PDB file of N, CA and C in Angstrom:
ATOM      1  N   MET A   1      35.658  -4.294  30.882  1.00  0.00           N
ATOM      2  CA  MET A   1      35.031  -5.508  31.344  1.00  0.00           C
ATOM      3  C   MET A   1      34.965  -6.515  30.188  1.00  0.00           C
ATOM      4  N   LYS A   2      35.300  -7.747  30.469  1.00  0.00           N
ATOM      5  CA  LYS A   2      35.322  -8.790  29.460  1.00  0.00           C
ATOM      6  C   LYS A   2      33.901  -9.289  29.202  1.00  0.00           C
ATOM      7  N   ARG A   3      33.581  -9.487  27.901  1.00  0.00           N
ATOM      8  CA  ARG A   3      32.245  -9.949  27.527  1.00  0.00           C
ATOM      9  C   ARG A   3      32.234 -11.467  27.375  1.00  0.00           C
ATOM     10  N   SER A   4      31.104 -12.055  27.656  1.00  0.00           N
ATOM     11  CA  SER A   4      30.993 -13.504  27.532  1.00  0.00           C
ATOM     12  C   SER A   4      30.776 -13.890  26.064  1.00  0.00           C
ATOM     13  N   ARG A   5      30.966 -15.160  25.767  1.00  0.00           N
ATOM     14  CA  ARG A   5      30.729 -15.659  24.415  1.00  0.00           C
ATOM     15  C   ARG A   5      29.283 -15.487  24.011  1.00  0.00           C
ATOM     16  N   ILE A   6      28.363 -15.630  24.926  1.00  0.00           N
ATOM     17  CA  ILE A   6      26.938 -15.496  24.624  1.00  0.00           C
ATOM     18  C   ILE A   6      26.615 -14.054  24.235  1.00  0.00           C
ATOM     19  N   GLU A   7      27.161 -13.089  24.967  1.00  0.00           N
ATOM     20  CA  GLU A   7      26.917 -11.684  24.635  1.00  0.00           C
ATOM     21  C   GLU A   7      27.473 -11.339  23.259  1.00  0.00           C
ATOM     22  N   ASN A   8      28.636 -11.846  22.932  1.00  0.00           N
ATOM     23  CA  ASN A   8      29.209 -11.610  21.606  1.00  0.00           C
ATOM     24  C   ASN A   8      28.360 -12.242  20.508  1.00  0.00           C
ATOM     25  N   ALA A   9      27.850 -13.435  20.748  1.00  0.00           N
ATOM     26  CA  ALA A   9      27.006 -14.118  19.763  1.00  0.00           C
ATOM     27  C   ALA A   9      25.712 -13.350  19.547  1.00  0.00           C
ATOM     28  N   VAL A  10      25.122 -12.828  20.609  1.00  0.00           N
ATOM     29  CA  VAL A  10      23.877 -12.061  20.493  1.00  0.00           C
ATOM     30  C   VAL A  10      24.121 -10.797  19.680  1.00  0.00           C
ATOM     31  N   ASP A  11      25.237 -10.105  19.910  1.00  0.00           N
ATOM     32  CA  ASP A  11      25.558  -8.900  19.155  1.00  0.00           C
ATOM     33  C   ASP A  11      25.762  -9.204  17.671  1.00  0.00           C
ATOM     34  N   ARG A  12      26.452 -10.287  17.356  1.00  0.00           N
ATOM     35  CA  ARG A  12      26.662 -10.647  15.952  1.00  0.00           C
ATOM     36  C   ARG A  12      25.335 -10.975  15.282  1.00  0.00           C
ATOM     37  N   ARG A  13      24.466 -11.683  15.973  1.00  0.00           N
ATOM     38  CA  ARG A  13      23.178 -12.041  15.410  1.00  0.00           C
ATOM     39  C   ARG A  13      22.327 -10.798  15.181  1.00  0.00           C
ATOM     40  N   ALA A  14      22.332  -9.871  16.116  1.00  0.00           N
ATOM     41  CA  ALA A  14      21.543  -8.651  15.997  1.00  0.00           C
ATOM     42  C   ALA A  14      22.034  -7.795  14.834  1.00  0.00           C
ATOM     43  N   SER A  15      23.335  -7.781  14.570  1.00  0.00           N
ATOM     44  CA  SER A  15      23.856  -6.959  13.484  1.00  0.00           C
ATOM     45  C   SER A  15      23.469  -7.515  12.115  1.00  0.00           C
ATOM     46  N   ARG A  16      23.109  -8.795  12.047  1.00  0.00           N
ATOM     47  CA  ARG A  16      22.708  -9.387  10.774  1.00  0.00           C
ATOM     48  C   ARG A  16      21.215  -9.297  10.527  1.00  0.00           C
ATOM     49  N   ARG A  17      20.453  -8.840  11.497  1.00  0.00           N
ATOM     50  CA  ARG A  17      18.999  -8.753  11.344  1.00  0.00           C
ATOM     51  C   ARG A  17      18.611  -7.554  10.486  1.00  0.00           C
ATOM     52  N   PHE A  18      17.428  -7.606   9.919  1.00  0.00           N
ATOM     53  CA  PHE A  18      16.844  -6.465   9.214  1.00  0.00           C
ATOM     54  C   PHE A  18      15.946  -5.768  10.229  1.00  0.00           C
ATOM     55  N   THR A  19      16.482  -4.745  10.880  1.00  0.00           N
ATOM     56  CA  THR A  19      15.800  -4.128  12.017  1.00  0.00           C
ATOM     57  C   THR A  19      14.747  -3.129  11.569  1.00  0.00           C
ATOM     58  N   LYS A  20      13.925  -2.744  12.504  1.00  0.00           N
ATOM     59  CA  LYS A  20      12.873  -1.775  12.225  1.00  0.00           C
ATOM     60  C   LYS A  20      13.454  -0.422  11.818  1.00  0.00           C
ATOM     61  N   ALA A  21      14.588  -0.065  12.401  1.00  0.00           N
ATOM     62  CA  ALA A  21      15.235   1.208  12.064  1.00  0.00           C
ATOM     63  C   ALA A  21      15.730   1.225  10.622  1.00  0.00           C
ATOM     64  N   GLU A  22      15.953   0.056  10.033  1.00  0.00           N
ATOM     65  CA  GLU A  22      16.455  -0.031   8.668  1.00  0.00           C
ATOM     66  C   GLU A  22      15.334  -0.035   7.632  1.00  0.00           C
ATOM     67  N   ARG A  23      14.114   0.127   8.069  1.00  0.00           N
ATOM     68  CA  ARG A  23      12.980   0.201   7.152  1.00  0.00           C
ATOM     69  C   ARG A  23      12.657   1.654   6.868  1.00  0.00           C
ATOM     70  N   LEU A  24      12.455   1.984   5.640  1.00  0.00           N
ATOM     71  CA  LEU A  24      12.091   3.331   5.248  1.00  0.00           C
ATOM     72  C   LEU A  24      10.569   3.414   5.279  1.00  0.00           C
ATOM     73  N   THR A  25      10.013   4.147   6.254  1.00  0.00           N
ATOM     74  CA  THR A  25       8.565   4.151   6.445  1.00  0.00           C
ATOM     75  C   THR A  25       7.927   5.531   6.393  1.00  0.00           C
ATOM     76  N   ASN A  26       8.700   6.587   6.602  1.00  0.00           N
ATOM     77  CA  ASN A  26       8.146   7.927   6.643  1.00  0.00           C
ATOM     78  C   ASN A  26       7.784   8.390   5.232  1.00  0.00           C
ATOM     79  N   ARG A  27       6.546   8.848   5.046  1.00  0.00           N
ATOM     80  CA  ARG A  27       6.056   9.212   3.712  1.00  0.00           C
ATOM     81  C   ARG A  27       6.881  10.329   3.072  1.00  0.00           C
ATOM     82  N   SER A  28       7.262  11.326   3.841  1.00  0.00           N
ATOM     83  CA  SER A  28       8.032  12.427   3.259  1.00  0.00           C
ATOM     84  C   SER A  28       9.423  11.953   2.822  1.00  0.00           C
ATOM     85  N   GLU A  29      10.020  11.035   3.579  1.00  0.00           N
ATOM     86  CA  GLU A  29      11.324  10.503   3.185  1.00  0.00           C
ATOM     87  C   GLU A  29      11.210   9.587   1.966  1.00  0.00           C
ATOM     88  N   ILE A  30      10.111   8.848   1.874  1.00  0.00           N
ATOM     89  CA  ILE A  30       9.872   8.009   0.691  1.00  0.00           C
ATOM     90  C   ILE A  30       9.708   8.896  -0.538  1.00  0.00           C
ATOM     91  N   ASN A  31       8.917   9.969  -0.394  1.00  0.00           N
ATOM     92  CA  ASN A  31       8.734  10.895  -1.512  1.00  0.00           C
ATOM     93  C   ASN A  31      10.063  11.529  -1.926  1.00  0.00           C
ATOM     94  N   ARG A  32      10.930  11.808  -0.967  1.00  0.00           N
ATOM     95  CA  ARG A  32      12.240  12.379  -1.251  1.00  0.00           C
ATOM     96  C   ARG A  32      13.083  11.413  -2.091  1.00  0.00           C
ATOM     97  N   VAL A  33      13.028  10.127  -1.768  1.00  0.00           N
ATOM     98  CA  VAL A  33      13.786   9.133  -2.539  1.00  0.00           C
ATOM     99  C   VAL A  33      13.292   9.092  -3.985  1.00  0.00           C
ATOM    100  N   PHE A  34      11.972   9.104  -4.167  1.00  0.00           N
ATOM    101  CA  PHE A  34      11.432   9.011  -5.520  1.00  0.00           C
ATOM    102  C   PHE A  34      11.548  10.320  -6.289  1.00  0.00           C
ATOM    103  N   ALA A  35      11.515  11.453  -5.606  1.00  0.00           N
ATOM    104  CA  ALA A  35      11.591  12.742  -6.298  1.00  0.00           C
ATOM    105  C   ALA A  35      13.025  13.161  -6.618  1.00  0.00           C
ATOM    106  N   HIS A  36      13.945  12.928  -5.692  1.00  0.00           N
ATOM    107  CA  HIS A  36      15.295  13.453  -5.851  1.00  0.00           C
ATOM    108  C   HIS A  36      16.388  12.388  -5.931  1.00  0.00           C
ATOM    109  N   GLY A  37      16.040  11.127  -5.742  1.00  0.00           N
ATOM    110  CA  GLY A  37      17.049  10.078  -5.711  1.00  0.00           C
ATOM    111  C   GLY A  37      17.539   9.682  -7.088  1.00  0.00           C
ATOM    112  N   ARG A  38      18.704   9.071  -7.116  1.00  0.00           N
ATOM    113  CA  ARG A  38      19.252   8.535  -8.353  1.00  0.00           C
ATOM    114  C   ARG A  38      18.598   7.189  -8.634  1.00  0.00           C
ATOM    115  N   SER A  39      18.576   6.813  -9.909  1.00  0.00           N
ATOM    116  CA  SER A  39      17.873   5.605 -10.304  1.00  0.00           C
ATOM    117  C   SER A  39      18.764   4.730 -11.181  1.00  0.00           C
ATOM    118  N   LEU A  40      18.746   3.434 -10.889  1.00  0.00           N
ATOM    119  CA  LEU A  40      19.447   2.433 -11.694  1.00  0.00           C
ATOM    120  C   LEU A  40      18.495   1.271 -11.912  1.00  0.00           C
ATOM    121  N   GLY A  41      18.588   0.637 -13.054  1.00  0.00           N
ATOM    122  CA  GLY A  41      17.694  -0.469 -13.305  1.00  0.00           C
ATOM    123  C   GLY A  41      18.346  -1.577 -14.089  1.00  0.00           C
ATOM    124  N   CYS A  42      17.753  -2.726 -13.996  1.00  0.00           N
ATOM    125  CA  CYS A  42      18.132  -3.873 -14.804  1.00  0.00           C
ATOM    126  C   CYS A  42      16.849  -4.686 -15.002  1.00  0.00           C
ATOM    127  N   ARG A  43      16.955  -5.743 -15.734  1.00  0.00           N
ATOM    128  CA  ARG A  43      15.774  -6.569 -15.980  1.00  0.00           C
ATOM    129  C   ARG A  43      15.304  -7.195 -14.663  1.00  0.00           C
ATOM    130  N   GLY A  44      14.075  -6.884 -14.266  1.00  0.00           N
ATOM    131  CA  GLY A  44      13.491  -7.487 -13.079  1.00  0.00           C
ATOM    132  C   GLY A  44      13.533  -6.641 -11.826  1.00  0.00           C
ATOM    133  N   MET A  45      14.354  -5.565 -11.826  1.00  0.00           N
ATOM    134  CA  MET A  45      14.520  -4.808 -10.583  1.00  0.00           C
ATOM    135  C   MET A  45      15.007  -3.390 -10.904  1.00  0.00           C
ATOM    136  N   LYS A  46      14.611  -2.451 -10.053  1.00  0.00           N
ATOM    137  CA  LYS A  46      15.061  -1.069 -10.180  1.00  0.00           C
ATOM    138  C   LYS A  46      15.432  -0.569  -8.795  1.00  0.00           C
ATOM    139  N   LEU A  47      16.505   0.202  -8.697  1.00  0.00           N
ATOM    140  CA  LEU A  47      16.977   0.732  -7.424  1.00  0.00           C
ATOM    141  C   LEU A  47      16.990   2.246  -7.492  1.00  0.00           C
ATOM    142  N   ARG A  48      16.315   2.883  -6.524  1.00  0.00           N
ATOM    143  CA  ARG A  48      16.387   4.331  -6.355  1.00  0.00           C
ATOM    144  C   ARG A  48      17.043   4.575  -5.015  1.00  0.00           C
ATOM    145  N   TYR A  49      17.980   5.517  -4.961  1.00  0.00           N
ATOM    146  CA  TYR A  49      18.697   5.750  -3.712  1.00  0.00           C
ATOM    147  C   TYR A  49      19.093   7.212  -3.588  1.00  0.00           C
ATOM    148  N   ILE A  50      19.233   7.645  -2.339  1.00  0.00           N
ATOM    149  CA  ILE A  50      19.646   9.003  -2.024  1.00  0.00           C
ATOM    150  C   ILE A  50      20.347   8.964  -0.677  1.00  0.00           C
ATOM    151  N   GLU A  51      21.290   9.867  -0.470  1.00  0.00           N
ATOM    152  CA  GLU A  51      22.008   9.891   0.800  1.00  0.00           C
ATOM    153  C   GLU A  51      21.092  10.360   1.923  1.00  0.00           C
ATOM    154  N   ASN A  52      21.341   9.821   3.122  1.00  0.00           N
ATOM    155  CA  ASN A  52      20.656  10.290   4.319  1.00  0.00           C
ATOM    156  C   ASN A  52      21.715  10.706   5.343  1.00  0.00           C
ATOM    157  N   GLU A  53      21.289  11.214   6.470  1.00  0.00           N
ATOM    158  CA  GLU A  53      22.230  11.696   7.479  1.00  0.00           C
ATOM    159  C   GLU A  53      22.533  10.652   8.542  1.00  0.00           C
ATOM    160  N   ARG A  54      22.204   9.417   8.275  1.00  0.00           N
ATOM    161  CA  ARG A  54      22.401   8.365   9.264  1.00  0.00           C
ATOM    162  C   ARG A  54      23.653   7.556   8.942  1.00  0.00           C
ATOM    163  N   GLU A  55      24.054   6.733   9.895  1.00  0.00           N
ATOM    164  CA  GLU A  55      25.223   5.877   9.691  1.00  0.00           C
ATOM    165  C   GLU A  55      24.861   4.548   9.032  1.00  0.00           C
ATOM    166  N   TYR A  56      23.585   4.288   8.861  1.00  0.00           N
ATOM    167  CA  TYR A  56      23.128   3.014   8.316  1.00  0.00           C
ATOM    168  C   TYR A  56      22.208   3.265   7.124  1.00  0.00           C
ATOM    169  N   ASN A  57      21.982   2.221   6.344  1.00  0.00           N
ATOM    170  CA  ASN A  57      21.086   2.295   5.195  1.00  0.00           C
ATOM    171  C   ASN A  57      19.677   1.909   5.602  1.00  0.00           C
ATOM    172  N   ARG A  58      18.715   2.451   4.870  1.00  0.00           N
ATOM    173  CA  ARG A  58      17.324   2.068   5.077  1.00  0.00           C
ATOM    174  C   ARG A  58      16.740   1.608   3.746  1.00  0.00           C
ATOM    175  N   LEU A  59      15.798   0.681   3.807  1.00  0.00           N
ATOM    176  CA  LEU A  59      15.266   0.049   2.600  1.00  0.00           C
ATOM    177  C   LEU A  59      13.752   0.129   2.570  1.00  0.00           C
ATOM    178  N   LEU A  60      13.237   0.376   1.364  1.00  0.00           N
ATOM    179  CA  LEU A  60      11.811   0.281   1.077  1.00  0.00           C
ATOM    180  C   LEU A  60      11.684  -0.679  -0.094  1.00  0.00           C
ATOM    181  N   VAL A  61      10.830  -1.678   0.021  1.00  0.00           N
ATOM    182  CA  VAL A  61      10.612  -2.635  -1.068  1.00  0.00           C
ATOM    183  C   VAL A  61       9.249  -2.347  -1.677  1.00  0.00           C
ATOM    184  N   VAL A  62       9.239  -2.139  -2.997  1.00  0.00           N
ATOM    185  CA  VAL A  62       8.006  -1.809  -3.710  1.00  0.00           C
ATOM    186  C   VAL A  62       7.784  -2.853  -4.793  1.00  0.00           C
ATOM    187  N   PRO A  63       6.855  -3.789  -4.583  1.00  0.00           N
ATOM    188  CA  PRO A  63       6.553  -4.744  -5.652  1.00  0.00           C
ATOM    189  C   PRO A  63       5.654  -4.097  -6.703  1.00  0.00           C
ATOM    190  N   GLU A  64       5.893  -4.420  -7.943  1.00  0.00           N
ATOM    191  CA  GLU A  64       5.093  -3.898  -9.037  1.00  0.00           C
ATOM    192  C   GLU A  64       3.636  -4.341  -8.868  1.00  0.00           C
ATOM    193  N   ARG A  65       2.719  -3.564  -9.378  1.00  0.00           N
ATOM    194  CA  ARG A  65       1.288  -3.891  -9.230  1.00  0.00           C
ATOM    195  C   ARG A  65       0.865  -5.108 -10.043  1.00  0.00           C
ATOM    196  N   LYS A  66       1.674  -5.537 -10.955  1.00  0.00           N
ATOM    197  CA  LYS A  66       1.299  -6.652 -11.824  1.00  0.00           C
ATOM    198  C   LYS A  66       1.447  -8.020 -11.168  1.00  0.00           C
ATOM    199  N   PHE A  67       1.944  -8.080  -9.921  1.00  0.00           N
ATOM    200  CA  PHE A  67       1.971  -9.372  -9.229  1.00  0.00           C
ATOM    201  C   PHE A  67       0.527  -9.847  -9.089  1.00  0.00           C
ATOM    202  N   LYS A  68       0.311 -11.139  -9.291  1.00  0.00           N
ATOM    203  CA  LYS A  68      -1.050 -11.659  -9.357  1.00  0.00           C
ATOM    204  C   LYS A  68      -1.816 -11.569  -8.046  1.00  0.00           C
ATOM    205  N   ASN A  69      -1.133 -11.833  -6.941  1.00  0.00           N
ATOM    206  CA  ASN A  69      -1.841 -11.825  -5.664  1.00  0.00           C
ATOM    207  C   ASN A  69      -0.887 -11.464  -4.535  1.00  0.00           C
ATOM    208  N   ALA A  70      -1.424 -11.353  -3.353  1.00  0.00           N
ATOM    209  CA  ALA A  70      -0.643 -10.932  -2.193  1.00  0.00           C
ATOM    210  C   ALA A  70       0.464 -11.928  -1.858  1.00  0.00           C
ATOM    211  N   VAL A  71       0.232 -13.204  -2.111  1.00  0.00           N
ATOM    212  CA  VAL A  71       1.242 -14.219  -1.806  1.00  0.00           C
ATOM    213  C   VAL A  71       2.510 -13.966  -2.626  1.00  0.00           C
ATOM    214  N   GLU A  72       2.352 -13.704  -3.915  1.00  0.00           N
ATOM    215  CA  GLU A  72       3.515 -13.442  -4.767  1.00  0.00           C
ATOM    216  C   GLU A  72       4.187 -12.123  -4.403  1.00  0.00           C
ATOM    217  N   ARG A  73       3.388 -11.092  -4.115  1.00  0.00           N
ATOM    218  CA  ARG A  73       3.956  -9.800  -3.711  1.00  0.00           C
ATOM    219  C   ARG A  73       4.773  -9.937  -2.438  1.00  0.00           C
ATOM    220  N   ASN A  74       4.228 -10.620  -1.449  1.00  0.00           N
ATOM    221  CA  ASN A  74       4.924 -10.786  -0.173  1.00  0.00           C
ATOM    222  C   ASN A  74       6.169 -11.653  -0.312  1.00  0.00           C
ATOM    223  N   ALA A  75       6.121 -12.655  -1.183  1.00  0.00           N
ATOM    224  CA  ALA A  75       7.298 -13.491  -1.414  1.00  0.00           C
ATOM    225  C   ALA A  75       8.417 -12.656  -2.028  1.00  0.00           C
ATOM    226  N   ALA A  76       8.074 -11.793  -2.974  1.00  0.00           N
ATOM    227  CA  ALA A  76       9.082 -10.925  -3.592  1.00  0.00           C
ATOM    228  C   ALA A  76       9.673  -9.974  -2.548  1.00  0.00           C
ATOM    229  N   LYS A  77       8.859  -9.457  -1.661  1.00  0.00           N
ATOM    230  CA  LYS A  77       9.356  -8.558  -0.615  1.00  0.00           C
ATOM    231  C   LYS A  77      10.264  -9.298   0.359  1.00  0.00           C
ATOM    232  N   ARG A  78       9.923 -10.533   0.695  1.00  0.00           N
ATOM    233  CA  ARG A  78      10.779 -11.323   1.594  1.00  0.00           C
ATOM    234  C   ARG A  78      12.143 -11.575   0.961  1.00  0.00           C
ATOM    235  N   VAL A  79      12.151 -11.882  -0.316  1.00  0.00           N
ATOM    236  CA  VAL A  79      13.413 -12.114  -1.023  1.00  0.00           C
ATOM    237  C   VAL A  79      14.250 -10.837  -1.006  1.00  0.00           C
ATOM    238  N   ALA A  80      13.639  -9.699  -1.288  1.00  0.00           N
ATOM    239  CA  ALA A  80      14.376  -8.432  -1.316  1.00  0.00           C
ATOM    240  C   ALA A  80      14.944  -8.094   0.054  1.00  0.00           C
ATOM    241  N   ARG A  81      14.163  -8.284   1.103  1.00  0.00           N
ATOM    242  CA  ARG A  81      14.660  -8.001   2.451  1.00  0.00           C
ATOM    243  C   ARG A  81      15.815  -8.934   2.812  1.00  0.00           C
ATOM    244  N   GLU A  82      15.751 -10.181   2.385  1.00  0.00           N
ATOM    245  CA  GLU A  82      16.827 -11.132   2.662  1.00  0.00           C
ATOM    246  C   GLU A  82      18.099 -10.741   1.903  1.00  0.00           C
ATOM    247  N   LEU A  83      17.956 -10.309   0.667  1.00  0.00           N
ATOM    248  CA  LEU A  83      19.110  -9.854  -0.103  1.00  0.00           C
ATOM    249  C   LEU A  83      19.771  -8.664   0.573  1.00  0.00           C
ATOM    250  N   PHE A  84      18.972  -7.714   1.024  1.00  0.00           N
ATOM    251  CA  PHE A  84      19.501  -6.538   1.712  1.00  0.00           C
ATOM    252  C   PHE A  84      20.176  -6.931   3.020  1.00  0.00           C
ATOM    253  N   ARG A  85      19.541  -7.820   3.761  1.00  0.00           N
ATOM    254  CA  ARG A  85      20.068  -8.230   5.063  1.00  0.00           C
ATOM    255  C   ARG A  85      21.421  -8.916   4.919  1.00  0.00           C
ATOM    256  N   THR A  86      21.558  -9.786   3.939  1.00  0.00           N
ATOM    257  CA  THR A  86      22.811 -10.515   3.776  1.00  0.00           C
ATOM    258  C   THR A  86      23.919  -9.637   3.190  1.00  0.00           C
ATOM    259  N   ALA A  87      23.562  -8.624   2.420  1.00  0.00           N
ATOM    260  CA  ALA A  87      24.562  -7.742   1.815  1.00  0.00           C
ATOM    261  C   ALA A  87      24.911  -6.561   2.712  1.00  0.00           C
ATOM    262  N   LYS A  88      24.161  -6.373   3.767  1.00  0.00           N
ATOM    263  CA  LYS A  88      24.325  -5.209   4.644  1.00  0.00           C
ATOM    264  C   LYS A  88      25.746  -4.986   5.142  1.00  0.00           C
ATOM    265  N   PRO A  89      26.496  -6.002   5.556  1.00  0.00           N
ATOM    266  CA  PRO A  89      27.854  -5.757   6.044  1.00  0.00           C
ATOM    267  C   PRO A  89      28.812  -5.180   4.988  1.00  0.00           C
ATOM    268  N   ARG A  90      28.536  -5.398   3.718  1.00  0.00           N
ATOM    269  CA  ARG A  90      29.411  -4.906   2.653  1.00  0.00           C
ATOM    270  C   ARG A  90      29.079  -3.479   2.223  1.00  0.00           C
ATOM    271  N   PHE A  91      27.925  -2.961   2.613  1.00  0.00           N
ATOM    272  CA  PHE A  91      27.483  -1.642   2.160  1.00  0.00           C
ATOM    273  C   PHE A  91      28.119  -0.524   2.952  1.00  0.00           C
ATOM    274  N   ARG A  92      28.323   0.615   2.277  1.00  0.00           N
ATOM    275  CA  ARG A  92      28.649   1.840   2.982  1.00  0.00           C
ATOM    276  C   ARG A  92      27.350   2.367   3.575  1.00  0.00           C
ATOM    277  N   GLY A  93      27.400   2.969   4.735  1.00  0.00           N
ATOM    278  CA  GLY A  93      26.198   3.474   5.382  1.00  0.00           C
ATOM    279  C   GLY A  93      25.802   4.836   4.850  1.00  0.00           C
ATOM    280  N   GLY A  94      24.565   5.223   5.148  1.00  0.00           N
ATOM    281  CA  GLY A  94      24.113   6.566   4.845  1.00  0.00           C
ATOM    282  C   GLY A  94      23.256   6.714   3.610  1.00  0.00           C
ATOM    283  N   TYR A  95      22.500   5.681   3.231  1.00  0.00           N
ATOM    284  CA  TYR A  95      21.637   5.775   2.061  1.00  0.00           C
ATOM    285  C   TYR A  95      20.223   5.307   2.378  1.00  0.00           C
ATOM    286  N   ASP A  96      19.246   5.980   1.758  1.00  0.00           N
ATOM    287  CA  ASP A  96      17.873   5.508   1.732  1.00  0.00           C
ATOM    288  C   ASP A  96      17.659   4.879   0.367  1.00  0.00           C
ATOM    289  N   CYS A  97      17.179   3.637   0.331  1.00  0.00           N
ATOM    290  CA  CYS A  97      17.040   2.901  -0.918  1.00  0.00           C
ATOM    291  C   CYS A  97      15.609   2.441  -1.100  1.00  0.00           C
ATOM    292  N   ALA A  98      15.113   2.553  -2.319  1.00  0.00           N
ATOM    293  CA  ALA A  98      13.824   1.975  -2.686  1.00  0.00           C
ATOM    294  C   ALA A  98      14.103   0.937  -3.767  1.00  0.00           C
ATOM    295  N   LEU A  99      13.689  -0.282  -3.517  1.00  0.00           N
ATOM    296  CA  LEU A  99      13.925  -1.381  -4.446  1.00  0.00           C
ATOM    297  C   LEU A  99      12.588  -1.754  -5.078  1.00  0.00           C
ATOM    298  N   ILE A 100      12.450  -1.511  -6.379  1.00  0.00           N
ATOM    299  CA  ILE A 100      11.218  -1.816  -7.099  1.00  0.00           C
ATOM    300  C   ILE A 100      11.396  -3.173  -7.765  1.00  0.00           C
ATOM    301  N   MET A 101      10.495  -4.090  -7.445  1.00  0.00           N
ATOM    302  CA  MET A 101      10.572  -5.461  -7.949  1.00  0.00           C
ATOM    303  C   MET A 101       9.546  -5.633  -9.077  1.00  0.00           C
ATOM    304  N   PHE A 102       9.983  -6.165 -10.220  1.00  0.00           N
ATOM    305  CA  PHE A 102       9.102  -6.404 -11.347  1.00  0.00           C
ATOM    306  C   PHE A 102       8.762  -7.885 -11.452  1.00  0.00           C
ATOM    307  N   VAL A 103       7.595  -8.155 -12.023  1.00  0.00           N
ATOM    308  CA  VAL A 103       7.121  -9.526 -12.198  1.00  0.00           C
ATOM    309  C   VAL A 103       7.991 -10.237 -13.234  1.00  0.00           C
ATOM    310  N   GLY A 104       8.245 -11.499 -12.996  1.00  0.00           N
ATOM    311  CA  GLY A 104       9.003 -12.293 -13.951  1.00  0.00           C
ATOM    312  C   GLY A 104       9.319 -13.658 -13.371  1.00  0.00           C
ATOM    313  N   PRO A 105       9.845 -14.542 -14.195  1.00  0.00           N
ATOM    314  CA  PRO A 105      10.171 -15.894 -13.735  1.00  0.00           C
ATOM    315  C   PRO A 105      11.535 -15.935 -13.046  1.00  0.00           C
ATOM    316  N   TYR A 106      11.702 -15.113 -12.002  1.00  0.00           N
ATOM    317  CA  TYR A 106      12.991 -14.994 -11.330  1.00  0.00           C
ATOM    318  C   TYR A 106      13.006 -15.810 -10.050  1.00  0.00           C
ATOM    319  N   ASN A 107      14.059 -16.596  -9.873  1.00  0.00           N
ATOM    320  CA  ASN A 107      14.241 -17.317  -8.613  1.00  0.00           C
ATOM    321  C   ASN A 107      15.174 -16.500  -7.719  1.00  0.00           C
ATOM    322  N   PHE A 108      15.518 -17.035  -6.570  1.00  0.00           N
ATOM    323  CA  PHE A 108      16.353 -16.309  -5.619  1.00  0.00           C
ATOM    324  C   PHE A 108      17.721 -15.984  -6.214  1.00  0.00           C
ATOM    325  N   HIS A 109      18.295 -16.920  -6.935  1.00  0.00           N
ATOM    326  CA  HIS A 109      19.618 -16.706  -7.538  1.00  0.00           C
ATOM    327  C   HIS A 109      19.580 -15.558  -8.550  1.00  0.00           C
ATOM    328  N   ASP A 110      18.536 -15.498  -9.375  1.00  0.00           N
ATOM    329  CA  ASP A 110      18.393 -14.413 -10.345  1.00  0.00           C
ATOM    330  C   ASP A 110      18.271 -13.068  -9.642  1.00  0.00           C
ATOM    331  N   ARG A 111      17.441 -13.034  -8.592  1.00  0.00           N
ATOM    332  CA  ARG A 111      17.255 -11.789  -7.832  1.00  0.00           C
ATOM    333  C   ARG A 111      18.562 -11.373  -7.155  1.00  0.00           C
ATOM    334  N   HIS A 112      19.340 -12.340  -6.695  1.00  0.00           N
ATOM    335  CA  HIS A 112      20.619 -12.033  -6.054  1.00  0.00           C
ATOM    336  C   HIS A 112      21.570 -11.383  -7.059  1.00  0.00           C
ATOM    337  N   LYS A 113      21.635 -11.925  -8.272  1.00  0.00           N
ATOM    338  CA  LYS A 113      22.494 -11.344  -9.305  1.00  0.00           C
ATOM    339  C   LYS A 113      22.032  -9.932  -9.658  1.00  0.00           C
ATOM    340  N   GLN A 114      20.723  -9.728  -9.772  1.00  0.00           N
ATOM    341  CA  GLN A 114      20.192  -8.395 -10.078  1.00  0.00           C
ATOM    342  C   GLN A 114      20.552  -7.400  -8.981  1.00  0.00           C
ATOM    343  N   PHE A 115      20.328  -7.794  -7.741  1.00  0.00           N
ATOM    344  CA  PHE A 115      20.589  -6.903  -6.611  1.00  0.00           C
ATOM    345  C   PHE A 115      22.082  -6.590  -6.486  1.00  0.00           C
ATOM    346  N   THR A 116      22.927  -7.586  -6.676  1.00  0.00           N
ATOM    347  CA  THR A 116      24.374  -7.370  -6.606  1.00  0.00           C
ATOM    348  C   THR A 116      24.827  -6.413  -7.699  1.00  0.00           C
ATOM    349  N   TYR A 117      24.316  -6.597  -8.882  1.00  0.00           N
ATOM    350  CA  TYR A 117      24.660  -5.717  -9.997  1.00  0.00           C
ATOM    351  C   TYR A 117      24.270  -4.275  -9.687  1.00  0.00           C
ATOM    352  N   LEU A 118      23.039  -4.061  -9.229  1.00  0.00           N
ATOM    353  CA  LEU A 118      22.559  -2.703  -8.954  1.00  0.00           C
ATOM    354  C   LEU A 118      23.310  -2.055  -7.809  1.00  0.00           C
ATOM    355  N   SER A 119      23.558  -2.809  -6.743  1.00  0.00           N
ATOM    356  CA  SER A 119      24.234  -2.226  -5.579  1.00  0.00           C
ATOM    357  C   SER A 119      25.681  -1.873  -5.924  1.00  0.00           C
ATOM    358  N   ARG A 120      26.338  -2.675  -6.732  1.00  0.00           N
ATOM    359  CA  ARG A 120      27.715  -2.343  -7.145  1.00  0.00           C
ATOM    360  C   ARG A 120      27.734  -1.144  -8.057  1.00  0.00           C
ATOM    361  N   LYS A 121      26.791  -1.095  -8.980  1.00  0.00           N
ATOM    362  CA  LYS A 121      26.726   0.024  -9.917  1.00  0.00           C
ATOM    363  C   LYS A 121      26.423   1.336  -9.184  1.00  0.00           C
ATOM    364  N   ALA A 122      25.634   1.255  -8.119  1.00  0.00           N
ATOM    365  CA  ALA A 122      25.302   2.447  -7.322  1.00  0.00           C
ATOM    366  C   ALA A 122      26.441   2.851  -6.403  1.00  0.00           C
ATOM    367  N   GLY A 123      27.365   1.958  -6.161  1.00  0.00           N
ATOM    368  CA  GLY A 123      28.471   2.260  -5.274  1.00  0.00           C
ATOM    369  C   GLY A 123      28.098   2.151  -3.807  1.00  0.00           C
ATOM    370  N   LEU A 124      27.092   1.346  -3.509  1.00  0.00           N
ATOM    371  CA  LEU A 124      26.692   1.133  -2.116  1.00  0.00           C
ATOM    372  C   LEU A 124      27.609   0.150  -1.515  1.00  0.00           C
TER     373      LEU A 124
END
């Protein structure tokens, strides 16, 4: 059966979203990432990752405690989720990732360079 242009557009839009299934929320799985996962770091950001049995990647964003207030912490988390969402089509599936964000005078471009460096170094 032939699909309409609207149905195709909806599917493309949905594939670019950061869905609930792509969030790492289970405590035992989070502990597994931190206990057994590999770790890579650079100035401003650290990536911990481990393989999972799924076809897609899942992300946990952990802002450092030194952020001054909730507004800054949430802004850092929004930036990290956006970086993951936009890079998602280039990633190989099957990883649980924890992205630790450190305080610093980093703008979106700086965070993008950090995230790209870490994801390439990890082979995601």
